[in-house]
Amino acid sequence: MKQGLKTVFPQIADIPVERKWAGRIAVTPEMMPHLYEPAPGILAGLGYSGRGIAMTSVMGRTLSAKLLGAPAADLPFPILPVTPIPFHGIASRLIPMAAPAMTLRDRFESLTNGI
């Protein structure tokens, strides 16, 4: 991250990073949030794909509308069935390796492209 900041913003290269955040995000295949109703009257909105700040307000209004009786056809998100994630066992073991692999790729590109 620090090297990327220095590359993009060389004028701040000498300013120390005071705070940083890291965490997992829920990403859906469509990169759109999902609305589930696993049982009547129980709703779940999730999978904001890194856009949670903006999308949770829309989902909150959607959940409220549904709970207040709005027909599913009037909602901005379809109500989806809860289904297993294909290859979840394999994917859950491989995904943690993605970030280190991308870091190595970035370093390799920097070396080969002279950046």
Protein backbone atom coordinates (compact mmCIF):
# COMPACT_ATOMS: atom_id res chain seq x y z
CA MET A 1 0.00 0.00 0.00
CA LYS A 2 2.74 2.46 0.96
CA GLN A 3 4.62 1.91 -2.28
CA GLY A 4 1.43 2.30 -4.28
CA LEU A 5 0.68 5.61 -2.57
CA LYS A 6 4.21 6.84 -3.27
CA THR A 7 3.85 5.86 -6.92
CA VAL A 8 0.49 7.55 -7.39
CA PHE A 9 1.09 10.51 -5.05
CA PRO A 10 4.86 11.18 -4.91
CA GLN A 11 4.25 14.50 -3.15
CA ILE A 12 3.14 12.64 0.01
CA ALA A 13 5.97 10.08 0.02
CA ASP A 14 7.48 11.45 3.25
CA ILE A 15 4.20 11.64 5.19
CA PRO A 16 3.74 8.63 7.49
CA VAL A 17 0.56 6.57 7.30
CA GLU A 18 -1.18 7.09 10.64
CA ARG A 19 -4.04 4.63 10.26
CA LYS A 20 -4.92 1.72 8.06
CA TRP A 21 -7.74 -0.76 7.84
CA ALA A 22 -7.99 -4.24 6.47
CA GLY A 23 -10.77 -6.75 6.51
CA ARG A 24 -12.89 -9.13 4.54
CA ILE A 25 -15.63 -8.02 2.24
CA ALA A 26 -18.55 -10.10 0.99
CA VAL A 27 -18.47 -10.26 -2.79
CA THR A 28 -21.25 -11.77 -4.87
CA PRO A 29 -20.71 -13.17 -8.38
CA GLU A 30 -22.82 -10.33 -9.82
CA MET A 31 -21.08 -7.68 -7.66
CA MET A 32 -24.55 -6.65 -6.44
CA PRO A 33 -26.08 -7.09 -2.97
CA HIS A 34 -28.39 -10.02 -2.36
CA LEU A 35 -31.71 -9.97 -0.53
CA TYR A 36 -32.75 -13.24 1.10
CA GLU A 37 -35.85 -14.36 2.97
CA PRO A 38 -34.78 -17.67 4.54
CA ALA A 39 -38.11 -17.90 6.41
CA PRO A 40 -41.29 -15.79 6.31
CA GLY A 41 -40.61 -12.43 7.95
CA ILE A 42 -36.87 -13.02 8.28
CA LEU A 43 -34.83 -10.96 5.82
CA ALA A 44 -31.13 -10.66 5.15
CA GLY A 45 -29.36 -8.17 2.92
CA LEU A 46 -25.70 -8.93 2.28
CA GLY A 47 -22.88 -9.12 -0.22
CA TYR A 48 -22.19 -5.44 -0.87
CA SER A 49 -18.97 -6.17 -2.78
CA GLY A 50 -17.02 -3.33 -1.18
CA ARG A 51 -19.77 -0.74 -1.67
CA GLY A 52 -21.47 -1.17 1.69
CA ILE A 53 -21.58 2.48 2.69
CA ALA A 54 -23.71 3.43 -0.30
CA MET A 55 -25.64 0.22 -0.79
CA THR A 56 -26.67 -0.45 2.82
CA SER A 57 -28.87 2.64 2.85
CA VAL A 58 -30.66 1.38 -0.27
CA MET A 59 -30.91 -2.12 1.20
CA GLY A 60 -32.19 -0.71 4.49
CA ARG A 61 -35.03 1.06 2.69
CA THR A 62 -35.70 -2.15 0.74
CA LEU A 63 -35.83 -4.28 3.88
CA SER A 64 -38.16 -1.76 5.54
CA ALA A 65 -40.45 -1.67 2.53
CA LYS A 66 -40.65 -5.47 2.41
CA LEU A 67 -41.35 -5.74 6.14
CA LEU A 68 -44.09 -3.11 5.77
CA GLY A 69 -45.78 -5.21 3.08
CA ALA A 70 -44.38 -4.03 -0.25
CA PRO A 71 -44.78 -6.66 -2.98
CA ALA A 72 -41.53 -8.36 -4.01
CA ALA A 73 -42.00 -7.08 -7.58
CA ASP A 74 -41.77 -3.48 -6.31
CA LEU A 75 -38.42 -3.94 -4.58
CA PRO A 76 -35.15 -2.83 -6.22
CA PHE A 77 -33.50 -6.17 -5.34
CA PRO A 78 -35.01 -9.56 -6.11
CA ILE A 79 -35.60 -11.88 -3.18
CA LEU A 80 -33.23 -14.77 -3.85
CA PRO A 81 -33.27 -18.31 -2.51
CA VAL A 82 -30.44 -19.25 -0.18
CA THR A 83 -28.23 -21.62 -2.16
CA PRO A 84 -24.87 -23.25 -1.49
CA ILE A 85 -21.80 -21.57 -2.97
CA PRO A 86 -20.33 -23.80 -5.68
CA PHE A 87 -16.88 -25.15 -4.77
CA HIS A 88 -17.01 -23.28 -1.44
CA GLY A 89 -14.66 -25.74 0.28
CA ILE A 90 -11.96 -25.26 -2.35
CA ALA A 91 -12.54 -21.52 -2.76
CA SER A 92 -12.37 -20.83 0.97
CA ARG A 93 -8.89 -22.37 1.02
CA LEU A 94 -7.64 -20.62 -2.12
CA ILE A 95 -8.99 -17.10 -1.59
CA PRO A 96 -6.64 -16.26 1.33
CA MET A 97 -3.74 -16.82 -1.07
CA ALA A 98 -5.09 -14.28 -3.58
CA ALA A 99 -3.82 -11.12 -1.85
CA PRO A 100 -0.23 -12.37 -1.40
CA ALA A 101 -0.26 -13.63 -4.99
CA MET A 102 -1.40 -10.22 -6.24
CA THR A 103 1.31 -8.53 -4.18
CA LEU A 104 3.93 -10.75 -5.81
CA ARG A 105 2.45 -10.01 -9.23
CA ASP A 106 2.57 -6.27 -8.55
CA ARG A 107 6.20 -6.48 -7.43
CA PHE A 108 7.10 -8.50 -10.52
CA GLU A 109 5.37 -5.95 -12.77
CA SER A 110 7.19 -3.13 -11.01
CA LEU A 111 10.53 -4.82 -11.62
CA THR A 112 9.83 -5.69 -15.24
CA ASN A 113 8.24 -2.34 -16.13
CA GLY A 114 10.73 -0.18 -14.26
CA ILE A 115 8.12 1.38 -11.98
